[in-house]
Amino acid sequence: MTNYLFDQPNLTAGIDDAFISTATNVPAFPVMILVFVFVLVFIGGSNNEKRRKGFSDYPFWAALSGLSMFMVALLMTLGDGMINLTTLGIVTAIAILCGVWFLMSNQKGELL
């Protein structure tokens, strides 16, 4: 018999119940998902733009990554116990700061 560090989620109740029970047992799980979304969009988008155009607009991809992370965090608030208010506040602040960085930068291809 395998000795697990946390209780396995009930997969017969649905995937949302599995996510919520994993987030209850491992509090860093939602934060890891949000960091993964931010890094995936930022690195993937900026590397693709650099490959296609020869340069990358890092403030744009930071703003887009922040908004993507914010949207995923809003979806996580639908399930009870998936994400707390402190984490949502930090994600909102990161999205706002990335948006301000994008609006204050003068890169090629921007409308402002």
PDB file of N, CA and C in Angstrom:
ATOM      1  N   MET A   1       0.846  -1.175   0.000  1.00  0.00           N
ATOM      2  CA  MET A   1       0.000   0.000   0.000  1.00  0.00           C
ATOM      3  C   MET A   1       0.889   1.235   0.000  1.00  0.00           C
ATOM      4  N   THR A   2       0.551   2.181  -0.853  1.00  0.00           N
ATOM      5  CA  THR A   2       1.327   3.405  -0.969  1.00  0.00           C
ATOM      6  C   THR A   2       0.902   4.390   0.121  1.00  0.00           C
ATOM      7  N   ASN A   3       1.890   5.018   0.734  1.00  0.00           N
ATOM      8  CA  ASN A   3       1.638   6.006   1.764  1.00  0.00           C
ATOM      9  C   ASN A   3       1.750   7.390   1.137  1.00  0.00           C
ATOM     10  N   TYR A   4       0.633   8.069   0.894  1.00  0.00           N
ATOM     11  CA  TYR A   4       0.619   9.371   0.259  1.00  0.00           C
ATOM     12  C   TYR A   4       0.790  10.471   1.303  1.00  0.00           C
ATOM     13  N   LEU A   5       1.349  11.599   0.868  1.00  0.00           N
ATOM     14  CA  LEU A   5       1.532  12.731   1.760  1.00  0.00           C
ATOM     15  C   LEU A   5       0.241  13.529   1.953  1.00  0.00           C
ATOM     16  N   PHE A   6      -0.717  13.352   1.068  1.00  0.00           N
ATOM     17  CA  PHE A   6      -2.000  14.024   1.199  1.00  0.00           C
ATOM     18  C   PHE A   6      -3.089  13.065   0.724  1.00  0.00           C
ATOM     19  N   ASP A   7      -4.332  13.365   1.094  1.00  0.00           N
ATOM     20  CA  ASP A   7      -5.452  12.515   0.687  1.00  0.00           C
ATOM     21  C   ASP A   7      -5.706  12.690  -0.799  1.00  0.00           C
ATOM     22  N   GLN A   8      -5.873  11.588  -1.493  1.00  0.00           N
ATOM     23  CA  GLN A   8      -6.159  11.662  -2.914  1.00  0.00           C
ATOM     24  C   GLN A   8      -7.550  12.228  -3.138  1.00  0.00           C
ATOM     25  N   PRO A   9      -7.695  13.076  -4.168  1.00  0.00           N
ATOM     26  CA  PRO A   9      -9.017  13.655  -4.423  1.00  0.00           C
ATOM     27  C   PRO A   9      -9.975  12.623  -4.992  1.00  0.00           C
ATOM     28  N   ASN A  10     -11.255  12.873  -4.807  1.00  0.00           N
ATOM     29  CA  ASN A  10     -12.304  12.016  -5.342  1.00  0.00           C
ATOM     30  C   ASN A  10     -12.528  12.407  -6.799  1.00  0.00           C
ATOM     31  N   LEU A  11     -12.079  11.582  -7.724  1.00  0.00           N
ATOM     32  CA  LEU A  11     -12.185  11.907  -9.143  1.00  0.00           C
ATOM     33  C   LEU A  11     -13.557  11.582  -9.721  1.00  0.00           C
ATOM     34  N   THR A  12     -14.407  10.897  -8.971  1.00  0.00           N
ATOM     35  CA  THR A  12     -15.742  10.584  -9.479  1.00  0.00           C
ATOM     36  C   THR A  12     -16.695  11.760  -9.349  1.00  0.00           C
ATOM     37  N   ALA A  13     -16.346  12.766  -8.556  1.00  0.00           N
ATOM     38  CA  ALA A  13     -17.222  13.909  -8.342  1.00  0.00           C
ATOM     39  C   ALA A  13     -17.020  15.005  -9.386  1.00  0.00           C
ATOM     40  N   GLY A  14     -16.001  14.906 -10.216  1.00  0.00           N
ATOM     41  CA  GLY A  14     -15.747  15.925 -11.230  1.00  0.00           C
ATOM     42  C   GLY A  14     -14.360  16.512 -11.065  1.00  0.00           C
ATOM     43  N   ILE A  15     -13.881  17.134 -12.137  1.00  0.00           N
ATOM     44  CA  ILE A  15     -12.524  17.674 -12.128  1.00  0.00           C
ATOM     45  C   ILE A  15     -12.416  18.893 -11.212  1.00  0.00           C
ATOM     46  N   ASP A  16     -13.497  19.670 -11.083  1.00  0.00           N
ATOM     47  CA  ASP A  16     -13.440  20.825 -10.202  1.00  0.00           C
ATOM     48  C   ASP A  16     -13.289  20.405  -8.746  1.00  0.00           C
ATOM     49  N   ASP A  17     -13.937  19.327  -8.351  1.00  0.00           N
ATOM     50  CA  ASP A  17     -13.789  18.817  -6.991  1.00  0.00           C
ATOM     51  C   ASP A  17     -12.360  18.316  -6.755  1.00  0.00           C
ATOM     52  N   ALA A  18     -11.764  17.725  -7.774  1.00  0.00           N
ATOM     53  CA  ALA A  18     -10.376  17.261  -7.643  1.00  0.00           C
ATOM     54  C   ALA A  18      -9.424  18.446  -7.469  1.00  0.00           C
ATOM     55  N   PHE A  19      -9.643  19.523  -8.233  1.00  0.00           N
ATOM     56  CA  PHE A  19      -8.798  20.714  -8.091  1.00  0.00           C
ATOM     57  C   PHE A  19      -8.965  21.359  -6.719  1.00  0.00           C
ATOM     58  N   ILE A  20     -10.207  21.446  -6.251  1.00  0.00           N
ATOM     59  CA  ILE A  20     -10.460  22.087  -4.957  1.00  0.00           C
ATOM     60  C   ILE A  20      -9.879  21.257  -3.825  1.00  0.00           C
ATOM     61  N   SER A  21     -10.017  19.943  -3.895  1.00  0.00           N
ATOM     62  CA  SER A  21      -9.463  19.125  -2.822  1.00  0.00           C
ATOM     63  C   SER A  21      -7.931  19.134  -2.850  1.00  0.00           C
ATOM     64  N   THR A  22      -7.336  19.200  -4.040  1.00  0.00           N
ATOM     65  CA  THR A  22      -5.876  19.323  -4.121  1.00  0.00           C
ATOM     66  C   THR A  22      -5.418  20.671  -3.576  1.00  0.00           C
ATOM     67  N   ALA A  23      -6.159  21.740  -3.892  1.00  0.00           N
ATOM     68  CA  ALA A  23      -5.809  23.067  -3.372  1.00  0.00           C
ATOM     69  C   ALA A  23      -5.973  23.134  -1.857  1.00  0.00           C
ATOM     70  N   THR A  24      -6.916  22.382  -1.314  1.00  0.00           N
ATOM     71  CA  THR A  24      -7.095  22.350   0.138  1.00  0.00           C
ATOM     72  C   THR A  24      -5.933  21.640   0.818  1.00  0.00           C
ATOM     73  N   ASN A  25      -5.482  20.541   0.219  1.00  0.00           N
ATOM     74  CA  ASN A  25      -4.384  19.772   0.811  1.00  0.00           C
ATOM     75  C   ASN A  25      -3.017  20.369   0.531  1.00  0.00           C
ATOM     76  N   VAL A  26      -2.853  21.013  -0.621  1.00  0.00           N
ATOM     77  CA  VAL A  26      -1.579  21.630  -1.007  1.00  0.00           C
ATOM     78  C   VAL A  26      -1.857  23.100  -1.292  1.00  0.00           C
ATOM     79  N   PRO A  27      -1.677  23.997  -0.323  1.00  0.00           N
ATOM     80  CA  PRO A  27      -2.059  25.404  -0.513  1.00  0.00           C
ATOM     81  C   PRO A  27      -1.290  26.122  -1.616  1.00  0.00           C
ATOM     82  N   ALA A  28      -0.127  25.637  -1.999  1.00  0.00           N
ATOM     83  CA  ALA A  28       0.654  26.305  -3.050  1.00  0.00           C
ATOM     84  C   ALA A  28       0.195  25.911  -4.453  1.00  0.00           C
ATOM     85  N   PHE A  29      -0.738  24.980  -4.575  1.00  0.00           N
ATOM     86  CA  PHE A  29      -1.174  24.497  -5.887  1.00  0.00           C
ATOM     87  C   PHE A  29      -1.763  25.597  -6.768  1.00  0.00           C
ATOM     88  N   PRO A  30      -2.716  26.425  -6.297  1.00  0.00           N
ATOM     89  CA  PRO A  30      -3.248  27.491  -7.165  1.00  0.00           C
ATOM     90  C   PRO A  30      -2.186  28.519  -7.551  1.00  0.00           C
ATOM     91  N   VAL A  31      -1.284  28.810  -6.634  1.00  0.00           N
ATOM     92  CA  VAL A  31      -0.219  29.779  -6.931  1.00  0.00           C
ATOM     93  C   VAL A  31       0.709  29.220  -8.009  1.00  0.00           C
ATOM     94  N   MET A  32       1.006  27.929  -7.933  1.00  0.00           N
ATOM     95  CA  MET A  32       1.860  27.309  -8.950  1.00  0.00           C
ATOM     96  C   MET A  32       1.184  27.336 -10.318  1.00  0.00           C
ATOM     97  N   ILE A  33      -0.122  27.139 -10.361  1.00  0.00           N
ATOM     98  CA  ILE A  33      -0.841  27.207 -11.633  1.00  0.00           C
ATOM     99  C   ILE A  33      -0.781  28.622 -12.201  1.00  0.00           C
ATOM    100  N   LEU A  34      -0.965  29.622 -11.352  1.00  0.00           N
ATOM    101  CA  LEU A  34      -0.941  31.011 -11.820  1.00  0.00           C
ATOM    102  C   LEU A  34       0.445  31.412 -12.313  1.00  0.00           C
ATOM    103  N   VAL A  35       1.482  31.008 -11.601  1.00  0.00           N
ATOM    104  CA  VAL A  35       2.855  31.307 -12.050  1.00  0.00           C
ATOM    105  C   VAL A  35       3.139  30.592 -13.368  1.00  0.00           C
ATOM    106  N   PHE A  36       2.659  29.356 -13.510  1.00  0.00           N
ATOM    107  CA  PHE A  36       2.852  28.616 -14.753  1.00  0.00           C
ATOM    108  C   PHE A  36       2.191  29.324 -15.932  1.00  0.00           C
ATOM    109  N   VAL A  37       0.963  29.826 -15.736  1.00  0.00           N
ATOM    110  CA  VAL A  37       0.264  30.542 -16.810  1.00  0.00           C
ATOM    111  C   VAL A  37       1.030  31.804 -17.188  1.00  0.00           C
ATOM    112  N   PHE A  38       1.486  32.569 -16.188  1.00  0.00           N
ATOM    113  CA  PHE A  38       2.222  33.802 -16.471  1.00  0.00           C
ATOM    114  C   PHE A  38       3.504  33.507 -17.249  1.00  0.00           C
ATOM    115  N   VAL A  39       4.290  32.559 -16.788  1.00  0.00           N
ATOM    116  CA  VAL A  39       5.573  32.252 -17.427  1.00  0.00           C
ATOM    117  C   VAL A  39       5.357  31.662 -18.813  1.00  0.00           C
ATOM    118  N   LEU A  40       4.363  30.808 -18.971  1.00  0.00           N
ATOM    119  CA  LEU A  40       4.103  30.192 -20.268  1.00  0.00           C
ATOM    120  C   LEU A  40       3.732  31.236 -21.316  1.00  0.00           C
ATOM    121  N   VAL A  41       2.833  32.148 -20.983  1.00  0.00           N
ATOM    122  CA  VAL A  41       2.423  33.180 -21.938  1.00  0.00           C
ATOM    123  C   VAL A  41       3.575  34.141 -22.202  1.00  0.00           C
ATOM    124  N   PHE A  42       4.302  34.546 -21.161  1.00  0.00           N
ATOM    125  CA  PHE A  42       5.377  35.523 -21.325  1.00  0.00           C
ATOM    126  C   PHE A  42       6.523  34.962 -22.177  1.00  0.00           C
ATOM    127  N   ILE A  43       7.032  33.807 -21.804  1.00  0.00           N
ATOM    128  CA  ILE A  43       8.178  33.248 -22.532  1.00  0.00           C
ATOM    129  C   ILE A  43       7.764  32.779 -23.924  1.00  0.00           C
ATOM    130  N   GLY A  44       6.622  32.104 -24.013  1.00  0.00           N
ATOM    131  CA  GLY A  44       6.173  31.616 -25.315  1.00  0.00           C
ATOM    132  C   GLY A  44       5.897  32.736 -26.295  1.00  0.00           C
ATOM    133  N   GLY A  45       5.194  33.760 -25.848  1.00  0.00           N
ATOM    134  CA  GLY A  45       4.870  34.882 -26.733  1.00  0.00           C
ATOM    135  C   GLY A  45       6.078  35.706 -27.125  1.00  0.00           C
ATOM    136  N   SER A  46       6.927  36.021 -26.158  1.00  0.00           N
ATOM    137  CA  SER A  46       8.095  36.852 -26.476  1.00  0.00           C
ATOM    138  C   SER A  46       9.096  36.094 -27.346  1.00  0.00           C
ATOM    139  N   ASN A  47       9.282  34.802 -27.109  1.00  0.00           N
ATOM    140  CA  ASN A  47      10.191  34.036 -27.971  1.00  0.00           C
ATOM    141  C   ASN A  47       9.641  33.903 -29.385  1.00  0.00           C
ATOM    142  N   ASN A  48       8.340  33.709 -29.523  1.00  0.00           N
ATOM    143  CA  ASN A  48       7.749  33.609 -30.851  1.00  0.00           C
ATOM    144  C   ASN A  48       7.853  34.938 -31.601  1.00  0.00           C
ATOM    145  N   GLU A  49       7.610  36.049 -30.904  1.00  0.00           N
ATOM    146  CA  GLU A  49       7.735  37.359 -31.550  1.00  0.00           C
ATOM    147  C   GLU A  49       9.179  37.648 -31.930  1.00  0.00           C
ATOM    148  N   LYS A  50      10.120  37.276 -31.068  1.00  0.00           N
ATOM    149  CA  LYS A  50      11.530  37.505 -31.376  1.00  0.00           C
ATOM    150  C   LYS A  50      11.966  36.672 -32.580  1.00  0.00           C
ATOM    151  N   ARG A  51      11.444  35.452 -32.676  1.00  0.00           N
ATOM    152  CA  ARG A  51      11.792  34.599 -33.811  1.00  0.00           C
ATOM    153  C   ARG A  51      11.208  35.148 -35.109  1.00  0.00           C
ATOM    154  N   ARG A  52       9.992  35.696 -35.051  1.00  0.00           N
ATOM    155  CA  ARG A  52       9.326  36.165 -36.267  1.00  0.00           C
ATOM    156  C   ARG A  52       9.759  37.559 -36.689  1.00  0.00           C
ATOM    157  N   LYS A  53       9.954  38.478 -35.730  1.00  0.00           N
ATOM    158  CA  LYS A  53      10.232  39.871 -36.068  1.00  0.00           C
ATOM    159  C   LYS A  53      11.670  40.298 -35.814  1.00  0.00           C
ATOM    160  N   GLY A  54      12.416  39.543 -35.033  1.00  0.00           N
ATOM    161  CA  GLY A  54      13.786  39.926 -34.725  1.00  0.00           C
ATOM    162  C   GLY A  54      13.923  40.701 -33.429  1.00  0.00           C
ATOM    163  N   PHE A  55      12.812  41.138 -32.846  1.00  0.00           N
ATOM    164  CA  PHE A  55      12.828  41.823 -31.558  1.00  0.00           C
ATOM    165  C   PHE A  55      11.590  41.395 -30.792  1.00  0.00           C
ATOM    166  N   SER A  56      11.604  41.634 -29.500  1.00  0.00           N
ATOM    167  CA  SER A  56      10.472  41.251 -28.666  1.00  0.00           C
ATOM    168  C   SER A  56      10.046  42.423 -27.792  1.00  0.00           C
ATOM    169  N   ASP A  57       8.767  42.620 -27.687  1.00  0.00           N
ATOM    170  CA  ASP A  57       8.196  43.693 -26.877  1.00  0.00           C
ATOM    171  C   ASP A  57       7.839  43.123 -25.504  1.00  0.00           C
ATOM    172  N   TYR A  58       8.829  43.149 -24.596  1.00  0.00           N
ATOM    173  CA  TYR A  58       8.643  42.541 -23.274  1.00  0.00           C
ATOM    174  C   TYR A  58       7.537  43.189 -22.453  1.00  0.00           C
ATOM    175  N   PRO A  59       7.371  44.516 -22.455  1.00  0.00           N
ATOM    176  CA  PRO A  59       6.251  45.083 -21.691  1.00  0.00           C
ATOM    177  C   PRO A  59       4.885  44.617 -22.193  1.00  0.00           C
ATOM    178  N   PHE A  60       4.736  44.453 -23.503  1.00  0.00           N
ATOM    179  CA  PHE A  60       3.474  43.958 -24.051  1.00  0.00           C
ATOM    180  C   PHE A  60       3.185  42.542 -23.570  1.00  0.00           C
ATOM    181  N   TRP A  61       4.183  41.674 -23.618  1.00  0.00           N
ATOM    182  CA  TRP A  61       3.966  40.285 -23.210  1.00  0.00           C
ATOM    183  C   TRP A  61       3.797  40.173 -21.701  1.00  0.00           C
ATOM    184  N   ALA A  62       4.413  41.078 -20.948  1.00  0.00           N
ATOM    185  CA  ALA A  62       4.185  41.088 -19.499  1.00  0.00           C
ATOM    186  C   ALA A  62       2.741  41.492 -19.198  1.00  0.00           C
ATOM    187  N   ALA A  63       2.235  42.491 -19.917  1.00  0.00           N
ATOM    188  CA  ALA A  63       0.852  42.917 -19.709  1.00  0.00           C
ATOM    189  C   ALA A  63      -0.122  41.813 -20.127  1.00  0.00           C
ATOM    190  N   LEU A  64       0.145  41.171 -21.247  1.00  0.00           N
ATOM    191  CA  LEU A  64      -0.710  40.085 -21.694  1.00  0.00           C
ATOM    192  C   LEU A  64      -0.651  38.894 -20.735  1.00  0.00           C
ATOM    193  N   SER A  65       0.524  38.605 -20.208  1.00  0.00           N
ATOM    194  CA  SER A  65       0.673  37.524 -19.229  1.00  0.00           C
ATOM    195  C   SER A  65      -0.059  37.854 -17.937  1.00  0.00           C
ATOM    196  N   GLY A  66       0.040  39.096 -17.502  1.00  0.00           N
ATOM    197  CA  GLY A  66      -0.665  39.518 -16.297  1.00  0.00           C
ATOM    198  C   GLY A  66      -2.177  39.407 -16.451  1.00  0.00           C
ATOM    199  N   LEU A  67      -2.688  39.800 -17.617  1.00  0.00           N
ATOM    200  CA  LEU A  67      -4.122  39.676 -17.848  1.00  0.00           C
ATOM    201  C   LEU A  67      -4.554  38.214 -17.939  1.00  0.00           C
ATOM    202  N   SER A  68      -3.740  37.387 -18.562  1.00  0.00           N
ATOM    203  CA  SER A  68      -4.059  35.952 -18.639  1.00  0.00           C
ATOM    204  C   SER A  68      -4.094  35.335 -17.246  1.00  0.00           C
ATOM    205  N   MET A  69      -3.112  35.685 -16.435  1.00  0.00           N
ATOM    206  CA  MET A  69      -3.067  35.167 -15.074  1.00  0.00           C
ATOM    207  C   MET A  69      -4.269  35.662 -14.270  1.00  0.00           C
ATOM    208  N   PHE A  70      -4.653  36.916 -14.480  1.00  0.00           N
ATOM    209  CA  PHE A  70      -5.810  37.476 -13.780  1.00  0.00           C
ATOM    210  C   PHE A  70      -7.098  36.757 -14.183  1.00  0.00           C
ATOM    211  N   MET A  71      -7.245  36.444 -15.467  1.00  0.00           N
ATOM    212  CA  MET A  71      -8.443  35.739 -15.928  1.00  0.00           C
ATOM    213  C   MET A  71      -8.520  34.323 -15.339  1.00  0.00           C
ATOM    214  N   VAL A  72      -7.387  33.642 -15.272  1.00  0.00           N
ATOM    215  CA  VAL A  72      -7.374  32.310 -14.663  1.00  0.00           C
ATOM    216  C   VAL A  72      -7.688  32.413 -13.171  1.00  0.00           C
ATOM    217  N   ALA A  73      -7.169  33.452 -12.516  1.00  0.00           N
ATOM    218  CA  ALA A  73      -7.462  33.643 -11.092  1.00  0.00           C
ATOM    219  C   ALA A  73      -8.945  33.924 -10.869  1.00  0.00           C
ATOM    220  N   LEU A  74      -9.563  34.688 -11.769  1.00  0.00           N
ATOM    221  CA  LEU A  74     -11.001  34.923 -11.645  1.00  0.00           C
ATOM    222  C   LEU A  74     -11.792  33.631 -11.812  1.00  0.00           C
ATOM    223  N   LEU A  75     -11.358  32.770 -12.716  1.00  0.00           N
ATOM    224  CA  LEU A  75     -12.022  31.473 -12.865  1.00  0.00           C
ATOM    225  C   LEU A  75     -11.834  30.608 -11.621  1.00  0.00           C
ATOM    226  N   MET A  76     -10.696  30.762 -10.953  1.00  0.00           N
ATOM    227  CA  MET A  76     -10.448  29.982  -9.740  1.00  0.00           C
ATOM    228  C   MET A  76     -11.311  30.439  -8.573  1.00  0.00           C
ATOM    229  N   THR A  77     -11.824  31.662  -8.622  1.00  0.00           N
ATOM    230  CA  THR A  77     -12.677  32.135  -7.533  1.00  0.00           C
ATOM    231  C   THR A  77     -14.059  31.499  -7.583  1.00  0.00           C
ATOM    232  N   LEU A  78     -14.423  30.869  -8.699  1.00  0.00           N
ATOM    233  CA  LEU A  78     -15.747  30.242  -8.802  1.00  0.00           C
ATOM    234  C   LEU A  78     -15.878  29.039  -7.882  1.00  0.00           C
ATOM    235  N   GLY A  79     -14.795  28.296  -7.694  1.00  0.00           N
ATOM    236  CA  GLY A  79     -14.819  27.150  -6.794  1.00  0.00           C
ATOM    237  C   GLY A  79     -14.493  27.574  -5.375  1.00  0.00           C
ATOM    238  N   ASP A  80     -15.285  27.132  -4.415  1.00  0.00           N
ATOM    239  CA  ASP A  80     -15.041  27.497  -3.019  1.00  0.00           C
ATOM    240  C   ASP A  80     -13.745  26.867  -2.527  1.00  0.00           C
ATOM    241  N   GLY A  81     -12.855  27.673  -2.005  1.00  0.00           N
ATOM    242  CA  GLY A  81     -11.622  27.177  -1.426  1.00  0.00           C
ATOM    243  C   GLY A  81     -10.476  27.011  -2.404  1.00  0.00           C
ATOM    244  N   MET A  82     -10.670  27.374  -3.661  1.00  0.00           N
ATOM    245  CA  MET A  82      -9.595  27.207  -4.643  1.00  0.00           C
ATOM    246  C   MET A  82      -8.545  28.301  -4.502  1.00  0.00           C
ATOM    247  N   ILE A  83      -8.980  29.537  -4.328  1.00  0.00           N
ATOM    248  CA  ILE A  83      -8.046  30.661  -4.230  1.00  0.00           C
ATOM    249  C   ILE A  83      -8.588  31.617  -3.168  1.00  0.00           C
ATOM    250  N   ASN A  84      -7.690  32.245  -2.430  1.00  0.00           N
ATOM    251  CA  ASN A  84      -8.149  33.161  -1.382  1.00  0.00           C
ATOM    252  C   ASN A  84      -8.038  34.611  -1.853  1.00  0.00           C
ATOM    253  N   LEU A  85      -8.564  35.524  -1.061  1.00  0.00           N
ATOM    254  CA  LEU A  85      -8.629  36.929  -1.448  1.00  0.00           C
ATOM    255  C   LEU A  85      -7.251  37.568  -1.516  1.00  0.00           C
ATOM    256  N   THR A  86      -6.333  37.135  -0.663  1.00  0.00           N
ATOM    257  CA  THR A  86      -4.981  37.686  -0.686  1.00  0.00           C
ATOM    258  C   THR A  86      -4.282  37.363  -2.009  1.00  0.00           C
ATOM    259  N   THR A  87      -4.404  36.133  -2.454  1.00  0.00           N
ATOM    260  CA  THR A  87      -3.797  35.743  -3.722  1.00  0.00           C
ATOM    261  C   THR A  87      -4.434  36.498  -4.876  1.00  0.00           C
ATOM    262  N   LEU A  88      -5.732  36.667  -4.856  1.00  0.00           N
ATOM    263  CA  LEU A  88      -6.406  37.420  -5.913  1.00  0.00           C
ATOM    264  C   LEU A  88      -5.954  38.876  -5.916  1.00  0.00           C
ATOM    265  N   GLY A  89      -5.739  39.455  -4.745  1.00  0.00           N
ATOM    266  CA  GLY A  89      -5.239  40.828  -4.667  1.00  0.00           C
ATOM    267  C   GLY A  89      -3.837  40.967  -5.223  1.00  0.00           C
ATOM    268  N   ILE A  90      -2.980  40.005  -4.934  1.00  0.00           N
ATOM    269  CA  ILE A  90      -1.611  40.040  -5.452  1.00  0.00           C
ATOM    270  C   ILE A  90      -1.619  39.882  -6.970  1.00  0.00           C
ATOM    271  N   VAL A  91      -2.448  38.989  -7.479  1.00  0.00           N
ATOM    272  CA  VAL A  91      -2.548  38.794  -8.934  1.00  0.00           C
ATOM    273  C   VAL A  91      -3.068  40.061  -9.607  1.00  0.00           C
ATOM    274  N   THR A  92      -4.051  40.721  -8.997  1.00  0.00           N
ATOM    275  CA  THR A  92      -4.576  41.974  -9.542  1.00  0.00           C
ATOM    276  C   THR A  92      -3.500  43.053  -9.556  1.00  0.00           C
ATOM    277  N   ALA A  93      -2.713  43.142  -8.495  1.00  0.00           N
ATOM    278  CA  ALA A  93      -1.640  44.140  -8.443  1.00  0.00           C
ATOM    279  C   ALA A  93      -0.578  43.864  -9.507  1.00  0.00           C
ATOM    280  N   ILE A  94      -0.239  42.603  -9.719  1.00  0.00           N
ATOM    281  CA  ILE A  94       0.746  42.258 -10.747  1.00  0.00           C
ATOM    282  C   ILE A  94       0.213  42.619 -12.131  1.00  0.00           C
ATOM    283  N   ALA A  95      -1.057  42.329 -12.386  1.00  0.00           N
ATOM    284  CA  ALA A  95      -1.650  42.665 -13.684  1.00  0.00           C
ATOM    285  C   ALA A  95      -1.660  44.176 -13.906  1.00  0.00           C
ATOM    286  N   ILE A  96      -1.973  44.936 -12.861  1.00  0.00           N
ATOM    287  CA  ILE A  96      -1.988  46.400 -12.987  1.00  0.00           C
ATOM    288  C   ILE A  96      -0.578  46.933 -13.220  1.00  0.00           C
ATOM    289  N   LEU A  97       0.399  46.435 -12.474  1.00  0.00           N
ATOM    290  CA  LEU A  97       1.780  46.901 -12.655  1.00  0.00           C
ATOM    291  C   LEU A  97       2.322  46.558 -14.045  1.00  0.00           C
ATOM    292  N   CYS A  98       2.005  45.392 -14.538  1.00  0.00           N
ATOM    293  CA  CYS A  98       2.441  45.027 -15.895  1.00  0.00           C
ATOM    294  C   CYS A  98       1.766  45.903 -16.936  1.00  0.00           C
ATOM    295  N   GLY A  99       0.498  46.243 -16.717  1.00  0.00           N
ATOM    296  CA  GLY A  99      -0.204  47.146 -17.628  1.00  0.00           C
ATOM    297  C   GLY A  99       0.383  48.545 -17.606  1.00  0.00           C
ATOM    298  N   VAL A 100       0.750  49.024 -16.432  1.00  0.00           N
ATOM    299  CA  VAL A 100       1.390  50.348 -16.335  1.00  0.00           C
ATOM    300  C   VAL A 100       2.746  50.337 -17.020  1.00  0.00           C
ATOM    301  N   TRP A 101       3.511  49.255 -16.854  1.00  0.00           N
ATOM    302  CA  TRP A 101       4.803  49.135 -17.537  1.00  0.00           C
ATOM    303  C   TRP A 101       4.610  49.174 -19.052  1.00  0.00           C
ATOM    304  N   PHE A 102       3.579  48.498 -19.540  1.00  0.00           N
ATOM    305  CA  PHE A 102       3.305  48.502 -20.978  1.00  0.00           C
ATOM    306  C   PHE A 102       2.923  49.891 -21.461  1.00  0.00           C
ATOM    307  N   LEU A 103       2.078  50.599 -20.714  1.00  0.00           N
ATOM    308  CA  LEU A 103       1.649  51.927 -21.143  1.00  0.00           C
ATOM    309  C   LEU A 103       2.756  52.968 -21.038  1.00  0.00           C
ATOM    310  N   MET A 104       3.726  52.766 -20.133  1.00  0.00           N
ATOM    311  CA  MET A 104       4.813  53.726 -19.973  1.00  0.00           C
ATOM    312  C   MET A 104       5.985  53.474 -20.925  1.00  0.00           C
ATOM    313  N   SER A 105       6.025  52.308 -21.540  1.00  0.00           N
ATOM    314  CA  SER A 105       7.151  51.996 -22.420  1.00  0.00           C
ATOM    315  C   SER A 105       6.889  52.529 -23.823  1.00  0.00           C
ATOM    316  N   ASN A 106       7.953  52.840 -24.522  1.00  0.00           N
ATOM    317  CA  ASN A 106       7.866  53.279 -25.912  1.00  0.00           C
ATOM    318  C   ASN A 106       8.589  52.277 -26.784  1.00  0.00           C
ATOM    319  N   GLN A 107       7.911  51.233 -27.161  1.00  0.00           N
ATOM    320  CA  GLN A 107       8.488  50.205 -28.016  1.00  0.00           C
ATOM    321  C   GLN A 107       7.931  50.380 -29.421  1.00  0.00           C
ATOM    322  N   LYS A 108       8.528  49.682 -30.363  1.00  0.00           N
ATOM    323  CA  LYS A 108       8.059  49.707 -31.726  1.00  0.00           C
ATOM    324  C   LYS A 108       6.696  49.015 -31.815  1.00  0.00           C
ATOM    325  N   GLY A 109       5.822  49.545 -32.651  1.00  0.00           N
ATOM    326  CA  GLY A 109       4.567  48.878 -32.918  1.00  0.00           C
ATOM    327  C   GLY A 109       3.447  49.203 -31.948  1.00  0.00           C
ATOM    328  N   GLU A 110       3.640  50.123 -31.018  1.00  0.00           N
ATOM    329  CA  GLU A 110       2.569  50.459 -30.084  1.00  0.00           C
ATOM    330  C   GLU A 110       1.745  51.617 -30.624  1.00  0.00           C
ATOM    331  N   LEU A 111       0.510  51.669 -30.216  1.00  0.00           N
ATOM    332  CA  LEU A 111      -0.383  52.716 -30.690  1.00  0.00           C
ATOM    333  C   LEU A 111      -0.239  54.011 -29.901  1.00  0.00           C
ATOM    334  N   LEU A 112       0.181  53.941 -28.659  1.00  0.00           N
ATOM    335  CA  LEU A 112       0.257  55.155 -27.829  1.00  0.00           C
ATOM    336  C   LEU A 112       1.555  55.887 -28.017  1.00  0.00           C
TER     337      LEU A 112
END
